[in-house]
Amino acid sequence: RHRTRKWILKLYFQMDDINVLHHRCLLNLRRRIRDIGDGRPAQERYMRLQKDGDTLSYQGNSEEVGCYVAGHPLSKGNCYFEVTIVDTGVRGTIAVGLVPKFYRLDHQPGWLPYSVAYHADNGKLYNGNPVGQQFGPKCARGDRIGCGIHFENIKAGFTIVFFTKNGKEVGSLEVPISAEGLFPAVGMHSMGEEVKVDLQAEWFLEEDESMMMVDSHEDDWGRLFDVRVSGTLLEYVGKGKSIMDVGLAQARQPLTTRCHYYEVEIVDAGEKCYIALGLARRDYPRNRHPGWSRGSVAYHADDGKIFHGSGVGDAFGPRCFKGDIMGCGIMFPRDYILEGEGDIDDWDRLEVRPGHAGVQNVLYLNDDEEEDGEELEQGQEGRNVTVFFTRNGKLMGRREMRVPPGGLYPTVGMLSSGEKVKVDLHPLSG
């Protein structure tokens, strides 16, 4: 009986040693599998594509899709990648996105469930469906398409995927994510297509413009009253209790034939949207909205009226709201030269391109647009010009006025709490 007990104890300890050994073997095996997984080239998958370093080129017959899937999914430490279009080939059917680990290589990213992709040829987003939805601009040779994940927003099996073009975010959407993660993928579908893939690219979320380049544009403004400048952003900081609490921002330089137009985007309409954009003389009173006093003209956002040297406005255009872009410019007479502006080249006609289709500005007045029988003075000061206003790229109307001494200066007024506008004093390249 004593021998039997001793034998059982010995067997027990031997079994325990075997279990420990087995456990160690499993750990070693897992480490070896993990180490093998770190070799990216061994894990990559692609079909109908040729891979040369970080360059992918289509090698199919344009009837079948070629697709590349990276060896590792995006992660917190590597949450973004970029694809640069080297050649659009015949059709430019290049797709950039994220797919599951074992995605079919004969389908474009975004076509099958649990995949999403931005397609260069039509700017559409494909989200697990062969039918895309309008998403962003088309992409051409030289453009960089980026794709990333906001891992801080992962919740209940979903995450936020975003896409960029040339470093600027195009848009984002919520997509499901599996335990294996989402893998960078590139699809191509026509001869000659070629891209360069950067799986280690970095992209930093753009901060709000009010936080960037603080005061970097302050020199653009000659006078600021109850208005704070942060980059291109103007913010009203006055009391907003009476009409004497006007916040005024006046540019340092007047409009000229070389720089004859500027724009204001309403970032925040504030309480009343008492925002005015226009032109005013250099010594314009600080507590008056542009357009209210002589030597000024302005388009007011809250009521769509134009004020021309008077506190009483005339019906002019539609009201403006958050997101609207208001523009103001001058049509100068052909022979107009502002003092200090220098010689003018052959400036016959220029197009205003404020970022919206449909606006065309003839820089100089045609002879038949001048008032009949009016003799223009020989000096530049006091000459007639035509001031025009736009809203979201469309011409709202014109107003004739005389140029005061020193010229007409871009002037923005605000009068209610919370109002913010973004100003572009030089939207034109001409």
Protein backbone atom coordinates (compact mmCIF):
# COMPACT_ATOMS: atom_id res chain seq x y z
CA ARG A 1 0.00 0.00 0.00
CA HIS A 2 2.90 2.34 0.80
CA ARG A 3 4.52 1.53 -2.56
CA THR A 4 1.28 2.21 -4.43
CA ARG A 5 0.89 5.65 -2.83
CA LYS A 6 4.51 6.51 -3.68
CA TRP A 7 4.00 5.45 -7.30
CA ILE A 8 0.85 7.58 -7.61
CA LEU A 9 2.65 10.65 -6.24
CA LYS A 10 5.53 10.10 -8.63
CA LEU A 11 3.09 9.79 -11.57
CA TYR A 12 1.29 12.96 -10.46
CA PHE A 13 4.48 14.99 -10.44
CA GLN A 14 5.50 13.59 -13.83
CA MET A 15 2.12 14.64 -15.27
CA ASP A 16 2.59 18.11 -13.77
CA ASP A 17 6.00 18.36 -15.45
CA ILE A 18 4.42 17.33 -18.76
CA ASN A 19 1.73 20.03 -18.38
CA VAL A 20 4.35 22.67 -17.68
CA LEU A 21 6.35 21.53 -20.70
CA HIS A 22 3.23 21.55 -22.87
CA HIS A 23 2.38 25.06 -21.67
CA ARG A 24 5.89 26.26 -22.50
CA CYS A 25 5.67 24.72 -25.96
CA LEU A 26 2.40 26.53 -26.60
CA LEU A 27 3.93 29.85 -25.52
CA ASN A 28 6.94 29.30 -27.78
CA LEU A 29 4.66 28.40 -30.69
CA ARG A 30 2.60 31.55 -30.17
CA ARG A 31 5.76 33.65 -30.07
CA ARG A 32 7.00 32.06 -33.31
CA ILE A 33 3.64 32.71 -35.02
CA ARG A 34 3.71 36.31 -33.79
CA ASP A 35 7.28 36.76 -34.99
CA ILE A 36 6.37 35.38 -38.40
CA GLY A 37 3.44 37.79 -38.53
CA ASP A 38 5.80 40.73 -38.09
CA GLY A 39 7.28 40.10 -41.52
CA ARG A 40 4.99 42.33 -43.61
CA PRO A 41 6.02 41.08 -47.10
CA ALA A 42 5.10 37.50 -46.15
CA GLN A 43 1.60 38.59 -45.16
CA GLU A 44 0.70 40.89 -48.06
CA ARG A 45 -1.78 39.68 -50.67
CA TYR A 46 -2.32 41.01 -54.16
CA MET A 47 -3.60 39.85 -57.53
CA ARG A 48 -3.33 41.26 -61.08
CA LEU A 49 -0.90 43.81 -59.72
CA GLN A 50 2.85 44.08 -59.89
CA LYS A 51 4.63 45.22 -56.74
CA ASP A 52 8.03 46.87 -56.91
CA GLY A 53 9.00 48.21 -53.50
CA ASP A 54 6.23 50.60 -52.53
CA THR A 55 4.91 50.91 -56.10
CA LEU A 56 1.87 49.01 -57.37
CA SER A 57 0.93 48.81 -61.06
CA TYR A 58 -2.03 47.13 -62.74
CA GLN A 59 -1.22 43.99 -64.74
CA GLY A 60 -4.68 42.74 -65.69
CA ASN A 61 -6.64 43.00 -68.93
CA SER A 62 -8.93 45.87 -67.79
CA GLU A 63 -11.84 43.44 -67.52
CA GLU A 64 -10.88 42.14 -64.09
CA VAL A 65 -10.08 43.97 -60.88
CA GLY A 66 -6.65 43.88 -59.33
CA CYS A 67 -6.46 44.36 -55.58
CA TYR A 68 -3.77 44.72 -52.91
CA VAL A 69 -4.31 44.06 -49.19
CA ALA A 70 -1.62 44.98 -46.66
CA GLY A 71 -0.22 42.44 -44.24
CA HIS A 72 -1.23 44.25 -41.09
CA PRO A 73 -4.37 46.13 -40.08
CA LEU A 74 -4.36 49.74 -39.02
CA SER A 75 -3.69 50.15 -35.32
CA LYS A 76 -3.39 52.89 -32.71
CA GLY A 77 0.31 53.14 -33.42
CA ASN A 78 -0.19 53.12 -37.19
CA CYS A 79 -3.68 54.46 -37.84
CA TYR A 80 -3.26 56.04 -41.30
CA PHE A 81 -1.85 55.33 -44.75
CA GLU A 82 -1.59 57.20 -48.05
CA VAL A 83 -1.60 56.33 -51.73
CA THR A 84 -0.08 58.68 -54.31
CA ILE A 85 -1.41 58.37 -57.85
CA VAL A 86 1.59 58.03 -60.18
CA ASP A 87 -0.48 57.36 -63.31
CA THR A 88 -4.26 57.17 -63.79
CA GLY A 89 -3.90 54.87 -66.80
CA VAL A 90 -6.85 54.46 -69.14
CA ARG A 91 -9.72 55.08 -66.73
CA GLY A 92 -8.23 56.08 -63.38
CA THR A 93 -10.32 53.45 -61.57
CA ILE A 94 -8.16 53.50 -58.45
CA ALA A 95 -9.71 52.77 -55.06
CA VAL A 96 -8.20 53.35 -51.63
CA GLY A 97 -9.75 52.01 -48.46
CA LEU A 98 -9.98 49.38 -45.75
CA VAL A 99 -11.07 45.74 -45.97
CA PRO A 100 -11.25 42.59 -43.81
CA LYS A 101 -8.17 40.36 -43.66
CA PHE A 102 -9.30 37.78 -46.23
CA TYR A 103 -11.00 40.14 -48.67
CA ARG A 104 -11.53 38.81 -52.21
CA LEU A 105 -8.81 40.15 -54.49
CA ASP A 106 -11.03 40.22 -57.59
CA HIS A 107 -13.23 42.99 -56.16
CA GLN A 108 -12.59 46.68 -55.63
CA PRO A 109 -12.29 47.77 -51.99
CA GLY A 110 -15.69 49.01 -50.84
CA TRP A 111 -17.73 46.71 -53.06
CA LEU A 112 -18.11 43.83 -50.57
CA PRO A 113 -19.53 43.90 -47.03
CA TYR A 114 -17.35 45.19 -44.19
CA SER A 115 -15.15 47.18 -46.59
CA VAL A 116 -15.05 50.89 -47.39
CA ALA A 117 -13.16 52.87 -50.04
CA TYR A 118 -12.82 56.24 -51.74
CA HIS A 119 -12.70 55.89 -55.55
CA ALA A 120 -10.52 58.31 -57.51
CA ASP A 121 -12.32 58.18 -60.86
CA ASN A 122 -15.67 59.52 -59.61
CA GLY A 123 -15.01 60.81 -56.09
CA LYS A 124 -17.60 58.41 -54.69
CA LEU A 125 -17.53 56.46 -51.45
CA TYR A 126 -18.28 52.74 -51.57
CA ASN A 127 -19.33 51.26 -48.25
CA GLY A 128 -19.89 47.52 -48.58
CA ASN A 129 -21.90 48.05 -51.75
CA PRO A 130 -21.06 48.15 -55.49
CA VAL A 131 -23.21 51.30 -55.73
CA GLY A 132 -21.33 54.35 -54.49
CA GLN A 133 -22.50 57.62 -53.03
CA GLN A 134 -21.13 61.08 -53.77
CA PHE A 135 -18.42 61.86 -51.26
CA GLY A 136 -15.59 64.09 -52.46
CA PRO A 137 -13.69 65.44 -55.47
CA LYS A 138 -12.25 63.24 -58.18
CA CYS A 139 -8.53 62.53 -57.96
CA ALA A 140 -5.91 62.73 -60.69
CA ARG A 141 -2.23 62.11 -61.26
CA GLY A 142 -0.11 63.45 -58.42
CA ASP A 143 -2.96 63.50 -55.89
CA ARG A 144 -2.55 61.77 -52.53
CA ILE A 145 -5.47 59.81 -51.13
CA GLY A 146 -5.25 59.02 -47.44
CA CYS A 147 -7.32 56.76 -45.21
CA GLY A 148 -7.28 56.43 -41.45
CA ILE A 149 -9.15 55.38 -38.32
CA HIS A 150 -10.03 57.46 -35.28
CA PHE A 151 -9.29 54.72 -32.76
CA GLU A 152 -10.37 56.88 -29.84
CA ASN A 153 -13.93 56.59 -31.16
CA ILE A 154 -14.17 52.78 -31.30
CA LYS A 155 -17.34 51.61 -29.58
CA ALA A 156 -19.52 48.50 -29.75
CA GLY A 157 -17.76 47.09 -32.81
CA PHE A 158 -17.85 50.36 -34.79
CA THR A 159 -15.20 52.96 -35.54
CA ILE A 160 -14.80 56.20 -37.49
CA VAL A 161 -12.95 55.94 -40.81
CA PHE A 162 -11.85 59.14 -42.53
CA PHE A 163 -10.41 59.94 -45.95
CA THR A 164 -8.13 62.74 -47.08
CA LYS A 165 -7.04 64.27 -50.36
CA ASN A 166 -3.65 65.98 -50.46
CA GLY A 167 -3.52 66.16 -46.68
CA LYS A 168 -6.98 67.67 -46.14
CA GLU A 169 -9.87 65.66 -44.75
CA VAL A 170 -12.61 64.95 -47.28
CA GLY A 171 -15.06 63.27 -44.92
CA SER A 172 -15.64 60.44 -42.48
CA LEU A 173 -18.16 57.74 -41.64
CA GLU A 174 -18.88 55.07 -39.05
CA VAL A 175 -18.12 51.50 -40.12
CA PRO A 176 -18.15 48.09 -38.38
CA ILE A 177 -14.79 46.68 -37.31
CA SER A 178 -14.01 43.02 -36.60
CA ALA A 179 -11.62 41.59 -34.04
CA GLU A 180 -9.01 41.13 -36.78
CA GLY A 181 -9.20 44.80 -37.67
CA LEU A 182 -9.33 46.66 -40.99
CA PHE A 183 -6.50 46.29 -43.51
CA PRO A 184 -5.24 48.95 -45.96
CA ALA A 185 -6.28 48.08 -49.49
CA VAL A 186 -5.80 49.44 -53.02
CA GLY A 187 -7.82 48.45 -56.07
CA MET A 188 -7.16 49.08 -59.78
CA HIS A 189 -9.11 48.26 -62.91
CA SER A 190 -7.50 49.62 -66.09
CA MET A 191 -4.23 49.45 -67.97
CA GLY A 192 -1.48 51.87 -67.01
CA GLU A 193 -2.70 52.59 -63.50
CA GLU A 194 0.15 52.98 -61.04
CA VAL A 195 0.35 54.15 -57.44
CA LYS A 196 2.85 54.50 -54.64
CA VAL A 197 1.77 53.23 -51.21
CA ASP A 198 2.99 54.64 -47.90
CA LEU A 199 1.79 52.39 -45.08
CA GLN A 200 3.72 54.43 -42.50
CA ALA A 201 2.29 57.83 -43.46
CA GLU A 202 1.31 60.25 -40.72
CA TRP A 203 -1.57 62.68 -40.65
CA PHE A 204 -2.39 65.11 -37.91
CA LEU A 205 -5.90 66.37 -37.29
CA GLU A 206 -6.10 70.00 -38.42
CA GLU A 207 -6.80 72.27 -35.52
CA ASP A 208 -9.47 74.89 -35.69
CA GLU A 209 -8.18 77.88 -37.57
CA SER A 210 -8.77 80.05 -34.52
CA MET A 211 -6.11 77.95 -32.80
CA MET A 212 -3.67 78.02 -35.69
CA MET A 213 -1.46 80.83 -36.83
CA VAL A 214 -2.74 83.10 -34.09
CA ASP A 215 -2.24 86.76 -35.01
CA SER A 216 -0.37 85.77 -38.16
CA HIS A 217 -2.74 87.93 -40.24
CA GLU A 218 -2.97 90.86 -37.88
CA ASP A 219 -0.78 92.96 -40.16
CA ASP A 220 -3.51 92.75 -42.83
CA TRP A 221 -5.70 95.01 -40.71
CA GLY A 222 -5.13 98.73 -40.27
CA ARG A 223 -7.91 99.28 -37.73
CA LEU A 224 -9.60 96.89 -35.31
CA PHE A 225 -12.30 97.88 -32.82
CA ASP A 226 -14.04 95.27 -30.65
CA VAL A 227 -12.85 92.60 -33.07
CA ARG A 228 -10.29 89.89 -32.29
CA VAL A 229 -8.09 88.45 -35.04
CA SER A 230 -7.01 84.80 -35.01
CA GLY A 231 -5.44 83.87 -38.30
CA THR A 232 -8.05 84.63 -40.95
CA LEU A 233 -10.85 84.53 -38.36
CA LEU A 234 -12.47 87.72 -37.08
CA GLU A 235 -14.53 87.45 -33.89
CA TYR A 236 -16.79 90.09 -32.39
CA VAL A 237 -15.86 90.82 -28.75
CA GLY A 238 -17.97 93.94 -28.14
CA LYS A 239 -20.96 94.39 -25.84
CA GLY A 240 -23.60 94.14 -28.58
CA LYS A 241 -26.10 96.13 -26.54
CA SER A 242 -26.71 99.16 -28.80
CA ILE A 243 -25.95 100.47 -32.28
CA MET A 244 -22.92 102.24 -30.80
CA ASP A 245 -21.30 98.88 -30.02
CA VAL A 246 -20.27 98.17 -33.61
CA GLY A 247 -17.16 96.02 -34.02
CA LEU A 248 -15.13 97.20 -37.00
CA ALA A 249 -12.23 95.65 -38.93
CA GLN A 250 -10.70 97.66 -41.76
CA ALA A 251 -7.97 96.32 -44.02
CA ARG A 252 -4.60 98.03 -44.12
CA GLN A 253 -4.62 98.32 -47.92
CA PRO A 254 -7.42 99.61 -50.21
CA LEU A 255 -8.74 97.63 -53.15
CA THR A 256 -6.76 98.23 -56.33
CA THR A 257 -6.84 97.02 -59.92
CA ARG A 258 -4.38 94.34 -58.86
CA CYS A 259 -6.42 93.25 -55.83
CA HIS A 260 -9.98 94.29 -56.50
CA TYR A 261 -12.10 91.73 -54.62
CA TYR A 262 -12.37 90.07 -51.20
CA GLU A 263 -14.65 87.56 -49.44
CA VAL A 264 -16.12 86.86 -46.03
CA GLU A 265 -17.45 83.48 -44.92
CA ILE A 266 -19.93 83.49 -42.03
CA VAL A 267 -18.51 80.96 -39.57
CA ASP A 268 -20.98 81.80 -36.79
CA ALA A 269 -24.01 84.07 -37.21
CA GLY A 270 -24.10 84.84 -33.49
CA GLU A 271 -27.29 86.11 -31.91
CA LYS A 272 -28.51 88.42 -34.67
CA CYS A 273 -26.17 87.99 -37.66
CA TYR A 274 -25.56 91.73 -37.70
CA ILE A 275 -22.66 91.20 -40.08
CA ALA A 276 -21.85 93.71 -42.82
CA LEU A 277 -19.24 93.57 -45.55
CA GLY A 278 -18.29 96.45 -47.76
CA LEU A 279 -15.90 99.29 -48.53
CA ALA A 280 -15.22 102.46 -46.59
CA ARG A 281 -12.93 105.48 -46.54
CA ARG A 282 -9.77 105.27 -44.46
CA ASP A 283 -11.03 107.53 -41.65
CA TYR A 284 -14.40 105.82 -41.32
CA PRO A 285 -15.91 106.23 -37.80
CA ARG A 286 -15.29 103.26 -35.53
CA ASN A 287 -18.81 103.03 -34.09
CA ARG A 288 -20.68 102.96 -37.39
CA HIS A 289 -21.54 99.90 -39.45
CA PRO A 290 -20.03 100.05 -42.94
CA GLY A 291 -22.58 101.67 -45.23
CA TRP A 292 -24.18 103.85 -42.55
CA SER A 293 -21.93 106.91 -43.01
CA ARG A 294 -20.66 108.80 -46.06
CA GLY A 295 -17.75 107.31 -47.98
CA SER A 296 -18.94 103.74 -47.50
CA VAL A 297 -21.14 101.07 -49.01
CA ALA A 298 -22.02 97.65 -47.59
CA TYR A 299 -24.19 94.55 -47.96
CA HIS A 300 -25.78 93.58 -44.62
CA ALA A 301 -26.32 89.90 -43.87
CA ASP A 302 -29.22 90.18 -41.42
CA ASP A 303 -31.69 91.82 -43.81
CA GLY A 304 -30.07 91.51 -47.26
CA LYS A 305 -30.10 95.29 -47.71
CA ILE A 306 -27.45 97.56 -49.17
CA PHE A 307 -26.47 100.66 -47.22
CA HIS A 308 -24.73 103.46 -49.14
CA GLY A 309 -23.72 106.35 -46.93
CA SER A 310 -27.03 106.24 -45.08
CA GLY A 311 -28.61 104.56 -42.08
CA VAL A 312 -31.54 103.58 -44.28
CA GLY A 313 -30.91 100.60 -46.51
CA ASP A 314 -32.39 99.50 -49.82
CA ALA A 315 -33.60 96.02 -50.70
CA PHE A 316 -30.69 94.38 -52.51
CA GLY A 317 -30.30 90.62 -52.09
CA PRO A 318 -31.19 87.66 -49.90
CA ARG A 319 -30.32 87.43 -46.23
CA CYS A 320 -27.12 85.54 -45.39
CA PHE A 321 -26.60 82.83 -42.79
CA LYS A 322 -23.93 80.59 -41.34
CA GLY A 323 -21.84 79.04 -44.12
CA ASP A 324 -22.69 81.72 -46.69
CA ILE A 325 -19.83 83.49 -48.46
CA MET A 326 -20.27 87.19 -49.16
CA GLY A 327 -17.96 88.96 -51.59
CA CYS A 328 -17.24 92.58 -52.46
CA GLY A 329 -15.19 94.08 -55.28
CA ILE A 330 -14.67 97.05 -57.56
CA MET A 331 -14.98 97.36 -61.33
CA PHE A 332 -12.39 100.01 -62.11
CA PRO A 333 -12.40 102.27 -65.21
CA ARG A 334 -9.92 101.00 -67.79
CA ASP A 335 -7.39 103.82 -67.27
CA TYR A 336 -7.63 103.85 -63.48
CA ILE A 337 -4.30 103.87 -61.62
CA LEU A 338 -4.33 104.30 -57.87
CA GLU A 339 -1.45 106.30 -56.49
CA GLY A 340 1.37 103.96 -55.51
CA GLU A 341 -0.08 101.03 -57.39
CA GLY A 342 2.51 101.24 -60.17
CA ASP A 343 2.22 100.45 -63.82
CA ILE A 344 -0.58 98.17 -64.90
CA ASP A 345 -0.09 95.54 -67.53
CA ASP A 346 -2.76 94.68 -70.07
CA TRP A 347 -5.65 94.02 -67.68
CA ASP A 348 -8.58 93.78 -70.05
CA ARG A 349 -10.89 91.32 -68.36
CA LEU A 350 -10.45 88.98 -65.42
CA GLU A 351 -12.70 86.35 -63.96
CA VAL A 352 -13.53 86.41 -60.28
CA ARG A 353 -13.01 82.90 -58.94
CA PRO A 354 -14.06 83.01 -55.31
CA GLY A 355 -14.31 79.25 -55.12
CA HIS A 356 -17.83 79.09 -56.54
CA ALA A 357 -18.95 78.66 -60.11
CA GLY A 358 -21.03 81.33 -61.73
CA VAL A 359 -19.23 84.50 -60.71
CA GLN A 360 -17.63 86.47 -63.46
CA ASN A 361 -16.33 89.96 -62.88
CA VAL A 362 -15.28 92.33 -65.63
CA LEU A 363 -12.45 94.13 -63.92
CA TYR A 364 -12.86 97.27 -65.96
CA LEU A 365 -16.08 99.03 -66.82
CA ASN A 366 -17.17 99.05 -70.41
CA ASP A 367 -17.64 102.52 -71.80
CA ASP A 368 -21.38 102.04 -72.06
CA GLU A 369 -21.60 101.17 -68.36
CA GLU A 370 -20.50 104.64 -67.31
CA GLU A 371 -23.27 107.08 -66.53
CA ASP A 372 -24.40 108.96 -69.63
CA GLY A 373 -22.97 112.43 -69.95
CA GLU A 374 -20.87 112.21 -66.79
CA GLU A 375 -17.41 113.75 -67.09
CA LEU A 376 -14.89 111.85 -65.00
CA GLU A 377 -12.42 114.00 -63.15
CA GLN A 378 -8.76 113.94 -64.19
CA GLY A 379 -7.52 113.03 -60.69
CA GLN A 380 -8.00 109.51 -59.39
CA GLU A 381 -9.67 110.66 -56.18
CA GLY A 382 -13.30 111.39 -56.82
CA ARG A 383 -13.51 109.14 -59.86
CA ASN A 384 -16.51 106.90 -60.23
CA VAL A 385 -16.18 103.18 -59.79
CA THR A 386 -18.74 100.41 -59.61
CA VAL A 387 -18.82 98.36 -56.44
CA PHE A 388 -20.33 94.88 -56.77
CA PHE A 389 -21.40 92.28 -54.23
CA THR A 390 -21.69 88.49 -54.43
CA ARG A 391 -23.29 85.77 -52.35
CA ASN A 392 -22.02 82.21 -52.68
CA GLY A 393 -20.42 83.02 -56.01
CA LYS A 394 -23.41 84.74 -57.60
CA LEU A 395 -23.53 88.43 -58.43
CA MET A 396 -26.12 90.18 -56.26
CA GLY A 397 -25.86 93.64 -57.75
CA ARG A 398 -23.81 96.81 -58.24
CA ARG A 399 -23.65 100.28 -56.83
CA GLU A 400 -21.90 103.30 -58.35
CA MET A 401 -19.84 105.45 -56.00
CA ARG A 402 -16.95 107.91 -55.95
CA VAL A 403 -13.55 107.01 -54.58
CA PRO A 404 -12.68 109.03 -51.45
CA PRO A 405 -9.12 110.29 -50.79
CA GLY A 406 -6.84 107.31 -50.18
CA GLY A 407 -9.15 104.78 -51.80
CA LEU A 408 -11.80 102.33 -50.64
CA TYR A 409 -10.78 99.86 -47.92
CA PRO A 410 -12.30 96.42 -47.26
CA THR A 411 -14.34 96.90 -44.08
CA VAL A 412 -16.24 94.34 -42.02
CA GLY A 413 -18.73 95.21 -39.29
CA MET A 414 -20.31 93.05 -36.58
CA LEU A 415 -22.77 93.89 -33.82
CA SER A 416 -24.06 90.85 -31.92
CA SER A 417 -22.54 88.35 -29.53
CA GLY A 418 -20.93 85.25 -31.00
CA GLU A 419 -20.44 86.51 -34.55
CA LYS A 420 -17.41 85.07 -36.34
CA VAL A 421 -16.30 85.40 -39.94
CA LYS A 422 -13.38 84.10 -41.97
CA VAL A 423 -11.90 86.67 -44.33
CA ASP A 424 -9.92 86.13 -47.51
CA LEU A 425 -8.51 89.47 -48.63
CA HIS A 426 -6.82 87.91 -51.66
CA PRO A 427 -9.04 85.17 -53.12
CA LEU A 428 -7.99 85.89 -56.71
CA SER A 429 -4.76 84.93 -58.42
CA GLY A 430 -5.12 87.62 -61.10
